[in-house]
N, C-alpha and C. Protein backbone atom coordinates (compact mmCIF):
# COMPACT_ATOMS: atom_id res chain seq x y z
N MET A 1 225.81 -45.94 35.06
CA MET A 1 224.51 -46.34 34.30
C MET A 1 224.62 -47.35 33.65
N SER A 2 226.00 -47.89 32.96
CA SER A 2 225.97 -48.79 32.23
C SER A 2 225.35 -48.78 30.80
N ARG A 3 224.83 -50.05 30.31
CA ARG A 3 224.40 -49.96 28.95
C ARG A 3 222.48 -50.33 29.49
N SER A 4 222.76 -50.58 30.53
CA SER A 4 221.03 -51.13 30.81
C SER A 4 220.07 -50.54 30.59
N ILE A 5 219.82 -48.97 30.82
CA ILE A 5 218.69 -48.06 30.27
C ILE A 5 218.56 -48.28 28.82
N PRO A 6 219.54 -47.92 28.09
CA PRO A 6 219.31 -47.93 26.62
C PRO A 6 218.79 -49.37 25.95
N SER A 7 219.13 -50.32 26.82
CA SER A 7 218.64 -51.71 26.25
C SER A 7 217.12 -52.09 26.84
N LEU A 8 216.99 -51.51 27.89
CA LEU A 8 215.70 -51.46 28.31
C LEU A 8 214.75 -50.74 27.26
N LEU A 9 215.34 -49.61 26.80
CA LEU A 9 214.23 -48.40 25.84
C LEU A 9 214.25 -49.32 24.67
N ALA A 10 215.15 -49.80 24.13
CA ALA A 10 215.27 -50.68 23.20
C ALA A 10 214.36 -51.72 23.37
N LEU A 11 213.99 -52.40 24.28
CA LEU A 11 212.65 -53.47 24.23
C LEU A 11 211.68 -52.72 24.25
N VAL A 12 211.57 -51.83 24.90
CA VAL A 12 210.03 -51.37 24.64
C VAL A 12 209.60 -50.63 23.12
N GLY A 13 210.65 -50.47 22.30
CA GLY A 13 210.55 -50.18 21.15
C GLY A 13 210.04 -51.32 20.41
N ALA A 14 210.78 -52.60 20.57
CA ALA A 14 210.52 -53.64 19.84
C ALA A 14 209.24 -54.27 20.21
N VAL A 15 208.90 -54.12 21.36
CA VAL A 15 207.64 -54.72 21.78
C VAL A 15 206.41 -53.55 21.41
N LEU A 16 206.56 -52.68 20.82
CA LEU A 16 205.38 -51.52 20.17
C LEU A 16 205.33 -52.03 18.84
N LEU A 17 206.74 -51.98 18.18
CA LEU A 17 206.51 -52.26 16.88
C LEU A 17 205.95 -53.82 16.28
N VAL A 18 205.77 -54.70 17.13
CA VAL A 18 204.91 -56.03 16.78
C VAL A 18 203.72 -56.23 17.45
N ALA A 19 203.73 -55.17 18.19
CA ALA A 19 202.18 -55.14 19.05
C ALA A 19 200.97 -54.93 18.33
N ALA A 20 199.92 -55.54 18.64
CA ALA A 20 198.51 -55.42 18.06
C ALA A 20 197.89 -54.25 18.44
N PRO A 21 197.07 -53.59 17.72
CA PRO A 21 196.38 -52.33 18.18
C PRO A 21 195.68 -52.89 19.52
N ALA A 22 195.71 -51.82 20.14
CA ALA A 22 195.20 -51.76 21.86
C ALA A 22 194.37 -50.72 21.78
N ARG A 23 193.43 -51.28 22.68
CA ARG A 23 192.27 -50.44 23.18
C ARG A 23 192.97 -49.45 24.02
N ALA A 24 192.63 -47.92 23.46
CA ALA A 24 193.30 -46.86 24.30
C ALA A 24 192.85 -45.98 24.96
N GLU A 25 192.71 -46.73 26.33
CA GLU A 25 192.23 -45.72 27.54
C GLU A 25 192.64 -47.11 28.93
N VAL A 26 192.65 -45.76 29.67
CA VAL A 26 192.60 -46.86 31.37
C VAL A 26 191.08 -46.76 31.55
N GLU A 27 190.74 -47.90 32.19
CA GLU A 27 189.09 -48.22 32.41
C GLU A 27 189.13 -47.89 33.94
N GLU A 28 187.96 -47.72 34.31
CA GLU A 28 187.68 -47.61 35.70
C GLU A 28 187.36 -48.87 36.50
N LYS A 29 187.33 -49.11 37.70
CA LYS A 29 187.47 -50.41 38.36
C LYS A 29 187.88 -51.51 37.49
N THR A 30 189.38 -51.41 37.52
CA THR A 30 190.02 -52.60 37.03
C THR A 30 191.45 -52.53 37.60
N GLY A 31 191.93 -53.64 37.75
CA GLY A 31 192.87 -54.25 38.59
C GLY A 31 194.22 -54.12 37.81
N ASN A 32 195.44 -54.15 38.09
CA ASN A 32 196.65 -54.15 37.37
C ASN A 32 197.83 -54.83 38.14
N PHE A 33 198.64 -55.65 37.72
CA PHE A 33 199.74 -56.14 37.89
C PHE A 33 200.99 -56.37 37.40
N GLU A 34 202.27 -55.88 37.86
CA GLU A 34 203.27 -55.31 37.26
C GLU A 34 204.57 -56.03 37.86
N ILE A 35 205.43 -56.20 36.73
CA ILE A 35 206.76 -56.60 37.17
C ILE A 35 207.77 -55.81 36.87
N PHE A 36 208.85 -55.39 37.26
CA PHE A 36 209.79 -54.24 36.65
C PHE A 36 211.12 -54.64 37.08
N PRO A 37 212.04 -54.39 36.24
CA PRO A 37 213.46 -54.26 36.60
C PRO A 37 213.95 -52.58 36.44
N GLY A 38 215.25 -52.53 36.72
CA GLY A 38 215.36 -51.05 36.51
C GLY A 38 216.92 -50.83 37.27
N TRP A 39 216.95 -49.35 37.59
CA TRP A 39 218.39 -48.94 37.51
C TRP A 39 218.50 -48.07 38.86
N TYR A 40 219.26 -48.02 39.82
CA TYR A 40 218.99 -47.31 41.14
C TYR A 40 220.13 -46.34 41.17
N PHE A 41 220.10 -45.46 41.66
CA PHE A 41 221.05 -44.27 41.72
C PHE A 41 221.34 -43.75 43.20
N PRO A 42 222.06 -44.15 43.96
CA PRO A 42 222.18 -43.76 45.55
C PRO A 42 222.60 -42.34 45.39
N GLU A 43 222.55 -41.70 46.32
CA GLU A 43 222.87 -40.11 46.91
C GLU A 43 224.06 -40.55 47.96
N ASN A 44 225.03 -39.97 47.82
CA ASN A 44 226.12 -39.69 48.92
C ASN A 44 225.68 -39.59 50.01
N GLU A 45 226.17 -40.45 51.24
CA GLU A 45 225.74 -40.00 52.71
C GLU A 45 227.40 -39.60 53.45
N SER A 46 226.98 -39.13 54.56
CA SER A 46 228.17 -38.72 55.05
C SER A 46 229.37 -39.81 55.19
N LEU A 47 229.09 -41.20 55.43
CA LEU A 47 230.03 -42.00 55.58
C LEU A 47 230.68 -42.30 54.21
N VAL A 48 229.84 -42.35 53.05
CA VAL A 48 229.56 -42.78 51.63
C VAL A 48 230.91 -41.80 50.87
N SER A 49 231.98 -42.44 49.80
CA SER A 49 232.67 -41.60 49.49
C SER A 49 232.06 -41.94 47.80
N ASP A 50 231.78 -43.08 47.73
CA ASP A 50 231.75 -43.82 46.44
C ASP A 50 230.80 -44.55 46.14
N PRO A 51 229.42 -44.27 46.16
CA PRO A 51 228.22 -44.99 45.83
C PRO A 51 227.91 -45.46 44.21
N GLU A 52 227.73 -46.86 44.29
CA GLU A 52 227.88 -47.15 42.83
C GLU A 52 226.31 -47.43 42.34
N ASP A 53 226.12 -47.17 41.42
CA ASP A 53 224.34 -47.37 40.94
C ASP A 53 224.30 -48.56 40.84
N GLY A 54 223.08 -49.46 40.78
CA GLY A 54 222.95 -50.83 40.79
C GLY A 54 221.81 -51.24 40.12
N PHE A 55 221.60 -52.64 39.99
CA PHE A 55 220.39 -53.05 39.65
C PHE A 55 219.09 -53.11 40.59
N THR A 56 217.75 -52.90 40.22
CA THR A 56 216.76 -53.11 41.33
C THR A 56 215.34 -53.57 40.37
N TYR A 57 214.92 -54.19 41.07
CA TYR A 57 213.83 -55.18 40.39
C TYR A 57 212.39 -55.30 41.76
N GLY A 58 211.46 -55.55 41.30
CA GLY A 58 210.33 -55.32 42.11
C GLY A 58 208.86 -56.01 41.14
N VAL A 59 207.61 -55.91 42.06
CA VAL A 59 206.58 -56.28 41.74
C VAL A 59 205.40 -55.10 42.19
N ARG A 60 204.59 -54.94 41.44
CA ARG A 60 203.63 -53.93 41.93
C ARG A 60 201.99 -54.38 41.48
N GLY A 61 201.13 -53.99 42.25
CA GLY A 61 199.70 -54.30 42.36
C GLY A 61 198.73 -53.26 42.62
N GLY A 62 197.37 -53.17 41.95
CA GLY A 62 196.80 -52.06 42.23
C GLY A 62 195.63 -52.22 41.73
N TYR A 63 194.79 -51.01 41.75
CA TYR A 63 193.40 -51.03 41.27
C TYR A 63 193.03 -49.43 41.03
N TYR A 64 192.32 -49.49 39.86
CA TYR A 64 191.66 -48.09 39.22
C TYR A 64 190.55 -47.89 39.98
N PHE A 65 190.34 -46.93 40.60
CA PHE A 65 188.82 -46.63 41.30
C PHE A 65 188.18 -45.69 40.32
N THR A 66 188.80 -44.89 39.48
CA THR A 66 187.98 -44.23 38.26
C THR A 66 189.36 -44.13 37.04
N GLN A 67 189.26 -43.91 35.82
CA GLN A 67 189.78 -43.61 34.92
C GLN A 67 191.42 -42.60 35.57
N ARG A 68 191.49 -41.82 36.39
CA ARG A 68 192.17 -40.94 36.69
C ARG A 68 192.72 -41.05 37.97
N PHE A 69 192.19 -42.08 39.08
CA PHE A 69 192.84 -42.22 40.29
C PHE A 69 192.92 -43.69 40.45
N GLY A 70 194.07 -44.05 40.68
CA GLY A 70 194.22 -45.06 41.50
C GLY A 70 195.26 -45.56 42.63
N VAL A 71 195.19 -46.76 43.18
CA VAL A 71 196.09 -47.04 44.07
C VAL A 71 197.04 -48.08 43.73
N GLN A 72 198.30 -48.22 44.53
CA GLN A 72 199.03 -49.55 44.00
C GLN A 72 199.94 -49.95 45.06
N LEU A 73 200.32 -51.29 45.77
CA LEU A 73 201.09 -51.35 46.32
C LEU A 73 202.23 -52.00 45.62
N GLY A 74 203.45 -51.61 46.23
CA GLY A 74 204.69 -52.36 45.36
C GLY A 74 205.66 -52.96 46.64
N LEU A 75 206.50 -53.74 45.97
CA LEU A 75 207.77 -54.41 46.77
C LEU A 75 208.91 -54.25 46.00
N GLN A 76 209.99 -53.83 46.26
CA GLN A 76 211.22 -53.58 45.40
C GLN A 76 212.36 -54.00 46.26
N GLY A 77 213.64 -54.58 45.32
CA GLY A 77 214.84 -54.63 46.13
C GLY A 77 215.70 -54.29 45.29
N ALA A 78 216.84 -54.04 45.99
CA ALA A 78 218.43 -53.55 44.92
C ALA A 78 219.31 -53.85 45.94
N ASP A 79 220.48 -54.04 45.16
CA ASP A 79 221.46 -54.59 45.65
C ASP A 79 223.04 -53.43 45.12
N LEU A 80 223.47 -53.13 46.24
CA LEU A 80 224.40 -51.52 45.86
C LEU A 80 225.76 -51.90 46.39
N ASP A 81 226.78 -51.23 45.88
CA ASP A 81 228.11 -51.46 46.13
C ASP A 81 228.56 -50.02 46.77
N TYR A 82 229.14 -49.67 47.98
CA TYR A 82 229.32 -48.53 48.19
C TYR A 82 230.58 -48.41 48.69
N GLU A 83 231.61 -47.49 48.79
CA GLU A 83 232.83 -47.31 49.20
C GLU A 83 232.92 -46.20 50.70
N LEU A 84 233.02 -46.77 51.53
CA LEU A 84 232.75 -45.63 53.04
C LEU A 84 234.24 -44.91 53.11
N ASN A 85 234.08 -43.93 53.85
CA ASN A 85 234.80 -42.88 54.50
C ASN A 85 235.16 -43.63 55.87
N ALA A 86 236.34 -43.17 56.47
CA ALA A 86 236.56 -43.28 57.90
C ALA A 86 235.53 -42.66 58.62
N PRO A 87 235.66 -43.67 59.92
CA PRO A 87 236.56 -44.68 60.48
C PRO A 87 236.01 -45.94 59.56
N LEU A 88 235.05 -46.36 59.07
CA LEU A 88 235.04 -47.60 58.38
C LEU A 88 235.45 -47.60 57.23
N SER A 89 236.40 -47.33 56.41
CA SER A 89 236.78 -47.33 55.21
C SER A 89 237.33 -48.44 54.89
N GLY A 90 236.61 -48.80 53.26
CA GLY A 90 236.70 -49.95 52.92
C GLY A 90 235.20 -49.98 52.15
N ALA A 91 235.10 -51.23 51.35
CA ALA A 91 233.73 -51.71 50.73
C ALA A 91 232.49 -52.28 51.55
N ALA A 92 231.52 -51.85 50.93
CA ALA A 92 230.31 -52.16 51.44
C ALA A 92 229.50 -52.83 50.66
N ASP A 93 228.73 -54.16 51.02
CA ASP A 93 227.57 -54.39 50.34
C ASP A 93 226.39 -54.02 51.02
N ILE A 94 225.29 -53.56 50.16
CA ILE A 94 224.10 -52.85 50.48
C ILE A 94 223.12 -53.75 49.96
N SER A 95 222.15 -54.43 50.96
CA SER A 95 220.82 -55.05 50.25
C SER A 95 219.85 -54.50 50.73
N MET A 96 218.67 -54.16 49.78
CA MET A 96 217.51 -52.93 50.42
C MET A 96 216.55 -53.76 49.71
N PHE A 97 215.67 -53.94 50.57
CA PHE A 97 214.19 -54.13 50.30
C PHE A 97 213.07 -52.74 50.67
N MET A 98 212.08 -52.42 49.85
CA MET A 98 211.36 -51.44 49.83
C MET A 98 209.65 -51.92 49.64
N ALA A 99 209.03 -51.12 50.63
CA ALA A 99 207.78 -51.44 50.68
C ALA A 99 207.05 -50.18 50.46
N ASP A 100 206.10 -50.09 49.73
CA ASP A 100 205.46 -48.56 49.08
C ASP A 100 204.27 -48.60 49.02
N VAL A 101 203.11 -47.44 49.22
CA VAL A 101 201.94 -47.47 48.72
C VAL A 101 201.98 -46.13 47.91
N SER A 102 201.53 -46.26 46.24
CA SER A 102 201.55 -45.02 45.69
C SER A 102 200.16 -44.99 45.30
N PHE A 103 199.80 -43.45 45.27
CA PHE A 103 198.50 -42.88 45.02
C PHE A 103 198.89 -42.49 43.49
N ILE A 104 197.96 -42.80 42.41
CA ILE A 104 198.53 -42.70 41.29
C ILE A 104 197.28 -41.89 40.43
N VAL A 105 197.74 -40.72 39.49
CA VAL A 105 196.80 -39.80 39.23
C VAL A 105 197.28 -39.87 37.30
N ASN A 106 196.37 -40.27 36.45
CA ASN A 106 196.50 -40.16 35.33
C ASN A 106 196.17 -39.00 34.48
N VAL A 107 196.68 -38.57 33.66
CA VAL A 107 196.75 -37.16 32.98
C VAL A 107 196.06 -36.95 31.93
N ASN A 108 196.20 -38.01 30.85
CA ASN A 108 195.47 -38.18 29.70
C ASN A 108 194.78 -39.96 29.70
N PRO A 109 193.57 -40.55 30.32
CA PRO A 109 193.56 -41.45 30.61
C PRO A 109 192.88 -42.32 29.19
N ASP A 110 192.38 -41.55 28.27
CA ASP A 110 191.88 -41.81 27.21
C ASP A 110 192.76 -42.18 26.25
N ALA A 111 194.07 -41.85 26.46
CA ALA A 111 194.98 -42.07 25.34
C ALA A 111 195.55 -43.39 25.14
N ARG A 112 196.30 -43.82 24.26
CA ARG A 112 197.20 -45.17 24.03
C ARG A 112 198.54 -44.81 25.27
N ALA A 113 199.12 -43.85 24.97
CA ALA A 113 200.36 -43.43 26.35
C ALA A 113 199.52 -42.47 27.31
N VAL A 114 199.45 -43.24 28.25
CA VAL A 114 198.76 -42.46 29.38
C VAL A 114 200.04 -42.00 30.28
N PHE A 115 200.10 -40.41 30.20
CA PHE A 115 200.86 -40.05 31.41
C PHE A 115 200.59 -39.88 32.73
N HIS A 116 201.08 -40.26 33.66
CA HIS A 116 201.03 -40.17 35.11
C HIS A 116 201.87 -39.70 36.12
N VAL A 117 201.50 -39.14 37.19
CA VAL A 117 202.15 -38.52 38.35
C VAL A 117 201.81 -39.48 39.53
N PHE A 118 202.79 -40.01 40.44
CA PHE A 118 202.75 -40.95 41.69
C PHE A 118 203.19 -40.43 42.60
N GLY A 119 203.07 -41.16 44.09
CA GLY A 119 203.57 -40.84 44.94
C GLY A 119 203.14 -41.20 46.12
N GLY A 120 203.74 -41.44 47.40
CA GLY A 120 203.27 -41.98 48.34
C GLY A 120 204.27 -42.33 49.54
N PRO A 121 203.78 -43.18 50.64
CA PRO A 121 205.08 -43.32 51.67
C PRO A 121 205.19 -44.92 51.50
N GLY A 122 206.41 -45.17 52.11
CA GLY A 122 206.87 -46.35 52.10
C GLY A 122 207.51 -47.00 53.75
N TYR A 123 208.37 -48.07 53.31
CA TYR A 123 209.15 -48.35 54.88
C TYR A 123 210.20 -49.41 53.62
N SER A 124 211.65 -49.02 54.44
CA SER A 124 212.56 -49.49 53.69
C SER A 124 213.60 -50.69 54.83
N TRP A 125 213.76 -51.82 54.07
CA TRP A 125 214.69 -52.52 55.51
C TRP A 125 216.22 -52.56 54.59
N THR A 126 217.26 -52.00 55.19
CA THR A 126 218.85 -51.99 54.39
C THR A 126 219.54 -53.00 55.55
N ASN A 127 220.16 -53.56 54.51
CA ASN A 127 221.59 -54.44 55.36
C ASN A 127 222.53 -54.12 54.90
N THR A 128 223.23 -53.67 55.91
CA THR A 128 224.75 -53.55 55.46
C THR A 128 226.14 -54.35 55.67
N GLU A 129 226.56 -55.21 55.00
CA GLU A 129 227.68 -55.67 55.24
C GLU A 129 228.84 -55.25 54.98
N LEU A 130 230.11 -55.36 56.06
CA LEU A 130 231.33 -54.81 55.85
C LEU A 130 232.81 -56.00 56.22
N PRO A 131 232.64 -56.89 55.11
CA PRO A 131 233.29 -57.98 55.04
C PRO A 131 235.05 -57.50 55.52
N HIS A 132 235.38 -56.31 55.21
CA HIS A 132 236.62 -55.61 55.62
C HIS A 132 236.98 -55.63 57.10
N ILE A 133 235.79 -55.37 57.89
CA ILE A 133 235.78 -55.20 59.21
C ILE A 133 235.98 -56.41 59.91
N ALA A 134 234.73 -57.41 59.77
CA ALA A 134 234.59 -58.71 59.97
C ALA A 134 233.92 -59.25 59.21
N PRO A 135 234.15 -60.99 58.76
CA PRO A 135 233.49 -61.41 57.85
C PRO A 135 231.83 -61.52 58.23
N ASN A 136 231.32 -61.45 59.44
CA ASN A 136 230.24 -61.71 59.44
C ASN A 136 229.91 -60.41 60.31
N PHE A 137 230.08 -59.38 60.22
CA PHE A 137 229.62 -58.02 60.59
C PHE A 137 228.54 -57.65 59.66
N ASP A 138 227.49 -57.12 59.99
CA ASP A 138 226.51 -56.55 59.39
C ASP A 138 225.60 -55.62 60.19
N ASP A 139 224.69 -54.61 59.63
CA ASP A 139 224.16 -53.56 60.42
C ASP A 139 222.90 -53.55 59.51
N ASP A 140 221.63 -53.27 60.09
CA ASP A 140 220.56 -53.12 59.76
C ASP A 140 219.94 -52.07 59.92
N ASP A 141 219.50 -50.98 58.73
CA ASP A 141 218.79 -49.79 59.13
C ASP A 141 217.34 -49.55 58.54
N ASN A 142 216.41 -49.53 59.35
CA ASN A 142 215.24 -49.84 58.81
C ASN A 142 214.16 -48.31 58.84
N VAL A 143 213.91 -47.73 58.28
CA VAL A 143 213.46 -46.21 58.22
C VAL A 143 212.24 -46.38 57.08
N TRP A 144 211.56 -44.95 57.62
CA TRP A 144 210.14 -44.53 56.61
C TRP A 144 210.97 -44.27 55.39
N THR A 145 209.81 -43.87 54.27
CA THR A 145 210.50 -43.49 53.39
C THR A 145 209.08 -42.86 52.58
N ALA A 146 209.68 -41.95 51.82
CA ALA A 146 208.51 -41.28 50.66
C ALA A 146 209.23 -41.10 49.10
N HIS A 147 208.34 -41.28 48.34
CA HIS A 147 208.59 -41.26 47.19
C HIS A 147 207.46 -40.35 45.97
N VAL A 148 208.06 -39.72 44.73
CA VAL A 148 207.36 -39.18 43.92
C VAL A 148 208.10 -39.49 42.71
N GLY A 149 207.03 -39.38 41.67
CA GLY A 149 207.35 -40.17 40.02
C GLY A 149 206.60 -39.85 38.92
N ILE A 150 206.97 -39.95 38.05
CA ILE A 150 206.34 -39.61 36.78
C ILE A 150 206.62 -40.59 35.72
N GLY A 151 205.78 -40.91 35.12
CA GLY A 151 205.99 -41.91 33.80
C GLY A 151 204.58 -42.05 33.18
N THR A 152 204.59 -43.27 32.43
CA THR A 152 203.37 -43.68 31.17
C THR A 152 203.20 -45.01 31.18
N ASP A 153 202.08 -45.12 31.08
CA ASP A 153 201.61 -46.50 30.59
C ASP A 153 201.23 -46.68 28.87
N ILE A 154 201.94 -47.44 28.53
CA ILE A 154 201.82 -47.57 27.24
C ILE A 154 201.28 -48.79 26.31
N GLN A 155 200.08 -48.73 26.17
CA GLN A 155 199.48 -50.02 25.86
C GLN A 155 200.02 -51.04 24.33
N ALA A 156 200.45 -51.94 24.82
CA ALA A 156 200.86 -52.60 23.84
C ALA A 156 200.04 -53.83 22.94
N THR A 157 198.83 -54.20 23.82
CA THR A 157 197.83 -55.11 23.49
C THR A 157 196.56 -54.30 24.52
N GLU A 158 195.60 -55.13 24.18
CA GLU A 158 194.39 -54.78 25.27
C GLU A 158 194.26 -54.86 26.53
N ARG A 159 195.28 -56.09 26.92
CA ARG A 159 195.23 -56.22 28.50
C ARG A 159 197.23 -55.78 28.80
N PHE A 160 198.00 -55.79 27.82
CA PHE A 160 199.22 -55.81 28.11
C PHE A 160 199.93 -54.54 27.88
N TYR A 161 200.81 -53.68 28.66
CA TYR A 161 201.15 -52.41 28.70
C TYR A 161 202.53 -52.70 29.23
N ILE A 162 203.28 -51.20 28.82
CA ILE A 162 204.69 -51.06 29.20
C ILE A 162 204.90 -49.71 30.24
N ARG A 163 205.54 -49.56 31.07
CA ARG A 163 205.42 -48.59 31.89
C ARG A 163 206.70 -47.93 32.47
N PRO A 164 207.18 -46.98 31.45
CA PRO A 164 208.69 -46.63 32.16
C PRO A 164 208.54 -45.42 32.97
N ASP A 165 209.46 -45.46 34.20
CA ASP A 165 209.32 -44.15 35.37
C ASP A 165 210.40 -43.90 35.64
N VAL A 166 210.27 -42.70 36.12
CA VAL A 166 211.26 -42.16 37.05
C VAL A 166 210.97 -41.85 38.11
N ALA A 167 211.72 -42.10 39.39
CA ALA A 167 211.23 -41.63 40.63
C ALA A 167 212.42 -41.21 41.73
N ILE A 168 211.89 -40.25 42.60
CA ILE A 168 212.47 -39.78 43.40
C ILE A 168 212.37 -40.36 45.07
N ARG A 169 213.35 -40.89 45.89
CA ARG A 169 212.83 -41.77 47.12
C ARG A 169 213.73 -41.14 48.33
N TRP A 170 212.87 -40.59 49.21
CA TRP A 170 213.42 -39.80 50.20
C TRP A 170 213.46 -40.77 51.37
N PHE A 171 214.52 -41.00 52.15
CA PHE A 171 215.01 -41.88 53.35
C PHE A 171 214.92 -41.20 54.34
N SER A 172 214.26 -41.24 55.80
CA SER A 172 214.41 -40.91 56.76
C SER A 172 215.98 -41.21 57.66
N GLU A 173 215.89 -40.56 58.71
CA GLU A 173 217.61 -40.72 59.27
C GLU A 173 217.21 -42.24 60.03
N ASP A 174 218.11 -42.87 60.24
CA ASP A 174 218.05 -44.24 61.32
C ASP A 174 218.89 -43.71 62.40
N GLU A 175 218.41 -43.74 63.19
CA GLU A 175 219.31 -43.56 64.72
C GLU A 175 219.05 -45.16 65.40
N ASP A 176 220.48 -45.95 65.23
CA ASP A 176 220.73 -47.27 65.89
C ASP A 176 220.70 -46.96 67.50
N ASP A 177 220.14 -48.13 68.03
CA ASP A 177 220.00 -48.15 69.43
C ASP A 177 221.47 -48.38 70.05
N THR A 178 222.28 -48.43 69.19
CA THR A 178 223.92 -48.99 69.68
C THR A 178 224.41 -47.51 70.14
N PRO A 179 224.85 -47.01 71.46
CA PRO A 179 225.30 -45.87 71.49
C PRO A 179 226.38 -45.62 70.74
N GLY A 180 226.98 -44.48 69.85
CA GLY A 180 227.97 -44.19 69.20
C GLY A 180 228.49 -45.25 67.82
N ALA A 181 227.19 -45.87 67.59
CA ALA A 181 227.39 -46.63 66.52
C ALA A 181 227.46 -46.05 65.27
N SER A 182 228.68 -45.95 64.12
CA SER A 182 228.84 -45.27 62.99
C SER A 182 228.20 -45.88 61.50
N SER A 183 227.48 -46.74 62.06
CA SER A 183 227.13 -47.00 60.53
C SER A 183 225.51 -46.57 60.41
N ASP A 184 224.78 -45.98 60.99
CA ASP A 184 223.55 -45.48 60.89
C ASP A 184 223.57 -44.64 59.64
N SER A 185 222.36 -44.88 58.85
CA SER A 185 222.08 -44.03 57.59
C SER A 185 221.65 -42.46 57.88
N ASP A 186 222.10 -41.72 56.94
CA ASP A 186 221.62 -40.30 57.38
C ASP A 186 220.45 -40.29 56.31
N SER A 187 219.57 -39.23 56.49
CA SER A 187 218.55 -38.92 55.78
C SER A 187 219.00 -38.50 54.43
N HIS A 188 218.54 -38.93 53.52
CA HIS A 188 218.99 -38.98 52.42
C HIS A 188 217.93 -38.99 51.19
N THR A 189 218.31 -38.74 49.85
CA THR A 189 217.33 -38.59 48.37
C THR A 189 218.16 -39.75 47.60
N ASP A 190 217.46 -40.66 47.11
CA ASP A 190 217.95 -41.63 46.14
C ASP A 190 217.11 -41.26 44.61
N TRP A 191 217.22 -41.97 43.73
CA TRP A 191 216.58 -42.02 42.28
C TRP A 191 216.62 -42.98 41.55
N GLN A 192 215.62 -43.18 41.00
CA GLN A 192 215.78 -44.58 39.96
C GLN A 192 214.79 -44.48 38.64
N PHE A 193 215.44 -45.22 37.59
CA PHE A 193 214.80 -45.69 36.60
C PHE A 193 214.06 -46.96 36.61
N THR A 194 212.94 -46.78 36.31
CA THR A 194 212.40 -48.58 36.17
C THR A 194 211.53 -48.60 34.78
N LEU A 195 211.31 -49.94 34.25
CA LEU A 195 210.47 -50.25 33.37
C LEU A 195 209.54 -51.58 33.44
N GLY A 196 208.33 -51.29 33.64
CA GLY A 196 207.35 -52.03 34.25
C GLY A 196 206.63 -52.91 33.16
N PHE A 197 206.78 -54.04 33.35
CA PHE A 197 205.60 -55.00 32.35
C PHE A 197 204.42 -55.34 33.18
N GLY A 198 203.07 -54.74 32.66
CA GLY A 198 202.23 -54.96 33.36
C GLY A 198 200.69 -55.48 32.97
N TRP A 199 199.91 -56.17 33.45
CA TRP A 199 198.52 -56.82 32.80
C TRP A 199 197.40 -56.01 33.65
N ARG A 200 196.68 -55.69 32.78
CA ARG A 200 195.11 -55.25 33.67
C ARG A 200 194.07 -56.62 33.38
N PHE A 201 193.29 -56.52 34.30
CA PHE A 201 192.41 -57.43 34.49
C PHE A 201 190.92 -56.58 35.12
N GLY A 202 189.83 -57.11 34.81
CA GLY A 202 188.45 -56.87 35.14
C GLY A 202 188.00 -55.56 34.07
N GLY A 203 186.97 -55.08 34.61
CA GLY A 203 186.42 -54.16 33.70
C GLY A 203 185.67 -54.79 32.31
């Protein structure tokens, strides 16, 4: 996990200390746009002996139909390093891109710190490079996903907010078209921490 998460949390505190008083509510019929860095924690799969957590990043945009309910679309990437078991023993470089639809429910939309739960379907594009097998060997696993998470929107100004989240993501099993291929991904569950920086508009 290194020092990334404590550093992100310290940045949240610094922004809130210098922020001007904010309008303490989520308004209906408003849009939002977010950028977010974070940290990604992969689960062990059958071929993986030592998955390393790594940096993740992305953007989200959405709309609140009411104070309590909204929808967001997101695009996220992550770069990870795995250590594989036999028969593919060696290091693997993993690059992932994920597209999501999130349905968001706000628990206390009139507060300055608005707690929410979210979840929905998605799709993942994963590329695996195995340089110890061949310099140009790579394998693509494209699968359906689903995610669920909790977090909070903390109003820093009238339009700007900070959003720390924790989420779990499920990946369906990939079945390669190549008979006997050994690099297919298993069904598995990863989780992540992200820190969003968002802007509201409209309303």
